[in-house]
Protein backbone atom coordinates (compact mmCIF):
# COMPACT_ATOMS: atom_id res chain seq x y z
CA MET A 1 21.87 -27.47 51.76
CA PRO A 2 22.70 -23.79 51.53
CA ARG A 3 24.31 -24.51 48.18
CA ARG A 4 21.03 -25.77 46.70
CA PHE A 5 19.24 -22.66 47.90
CA TYR A 6 21.88 -20.51 46.16
CA ILE A 7 21.51 -22.45 42.88
CA ALA A 8 17.71 -22.28 43.05
CA GLY A 9 17.96 -18.53 43.66
CA MET A 10 20.20 -18.15 40.60
CA ALA A 11 17.70 -20.09 38.51
CA ASP A 12 14.94 -17.78 39.66
CA ASP A 13 17.05 -14.75 38.74
CA VAL A 14 17.76 -16.17 35.28
CA THR A 15 14.08 -16.92 34.76
CA ALA A 16 13.08 -13.44 35.90
CA ARG A 17 15.63 -11.80 33.60
CA PHE A 18 14.51 -14.02 30.74
CA GLU A 19 10.88 -13.05 31.27
CA GLN A 20 11.83 -9.38 31.52
CA ASP A 21 13.83 -9.63 28.28
CA LEU A 22 10.92 -11.43 26.66
CA ARG A 23 8.49 -8.66 27.72
CA ARG A 24 10.85 -6.01 26.38
CA LEU A 25 11.15 -7.88 23.09
CA GLU A 26 7.36 -8.18 22.90
CA GLN A 27 7.01 -4.42 23.45
CA ARG A 28 9.57 -3.67 20.76
CA LEU A 29 7.81 -6.03 18.35
CA ASP A 30 4.47 -4.36 19.08
CA ALA A 31 6.02 -0.96 18.40
CA LEU A 32 7.55 -2.28 15.17
CA VAL A 33 4.18 -3.67 14.04
CA GLN A 34 2.59 -0.29 14.73
CA VAL A 35 5.27 1.49 12.68
CA CYS A 36 4.81 -0.99 9.84
CA ASP A 37 1.03 -0.47 9.88
CA GLN A 38 1.50 3.30 9.90
CA LEU A 39 3.98 3.14 7.02
CA ARG A 40 1.66 0.86 5.04
CA GLU A 41 -1.22 3.32 5.45
CA GLU A 42 1.02 6.26 4.58
CA ASN A 43 2.35 4.43 1.53
CA GLN A 44 -1.17 3.66 0.35
CA SER A 45 -2.18 7.29 0.82
CA LEU A 46 0.89 8.50 -1.08
CA ARG A 47 0.18 6.09 -3.94
CA GLN A 48 -3.39 7.37 -4.17
CA ARG A 49 -2.11 10.96 -4.14
CA GLN A 50 0.42 10.11 -6.84
CA ASP A 51 -2.30 8.55 -8.99
CA ALA A 52 -4.47 11.65 -8.56
CA LEU A 53 -1.58 13.96 -9.43
CA THR A 54 -0.69 11.86 -12.47
CA ALA A 55 -4.28 12.08 -13.70
CA GLU A 56 -4.35 15.82 -13.02
CA ARG A 57 -1.07 16.26 -14.90
CA ALA A 58 -2.46 14.37 -17.90
CA THR A 59 -5.54 16.61 -17.89
CA LEU A 60 -3.42 19.75 -17.66
CA LEU A 61 -1.16 18.58 -20.49
CA GLN A 62 -4.22 17.92 -22.64
CA LYS A 63 -5.66 21.36 -21.87
CA ASN A 64 -2.26 22.94 -22.53
CA GLU A 65 -2.13 21.24 -25.91
CA GLN A 66 -5.65 22.46 -26.75
CA VAL A 67 -4.74 26.03 -25.79
CA ARG A 68 -1.51 25.84 -27.81
CA ALA A 69 -3.45 24.65 -30.86
CA ARG A 70 -5.98 27.48 -30.45
CA VAL A 71 -3.22 30.09 -30.08
CA GLU A 72 -1.43 28.74 -33.16
CA ALA A 73 -4.71 28.87 -35.08
CA MET A 74 -5.23 32.50 -33.99
CA ILE A 75 -1.69 33.39 -35.04
CA GLY A 76 -2.34 31.75 -38.40
CA ARG A 77 -5.54 33.75 -38.87
CA LEU A 78 -3.79 36.98 -37.87
CA LYS A 79 -1.00 36.34 -40.37
CA ALA A 80 -3.59 35.59 -43.04
CA MET A 81 -5.40 38.83 -42.22
CA GLU A 82 -2.12 40.78 -42.46
CA GLN A 83 -1.32 39.28 -45.83
CA GLY A 84 -4.86 39.95 -47.05
CA SER A 85 -4.69 43.62 -46.17
């Protein structure tokens, strides 16, 4: 009979370790899900920021082109004035 008690005790130990390992795995999975959620939100925010910066860049390039055209027009007028003098 003592042998059965020993085997039953071993089974209880294995079950307890299994449950402990399962809880640890569950905690790690929960932490991983949280990290994934955080990264998803951060990625979405970065994409929105990138879209905003791309739009801002396009606007600045357009304004730069307008200014360049105006400066070239002024230079052309100045040259015309010099030649007319």
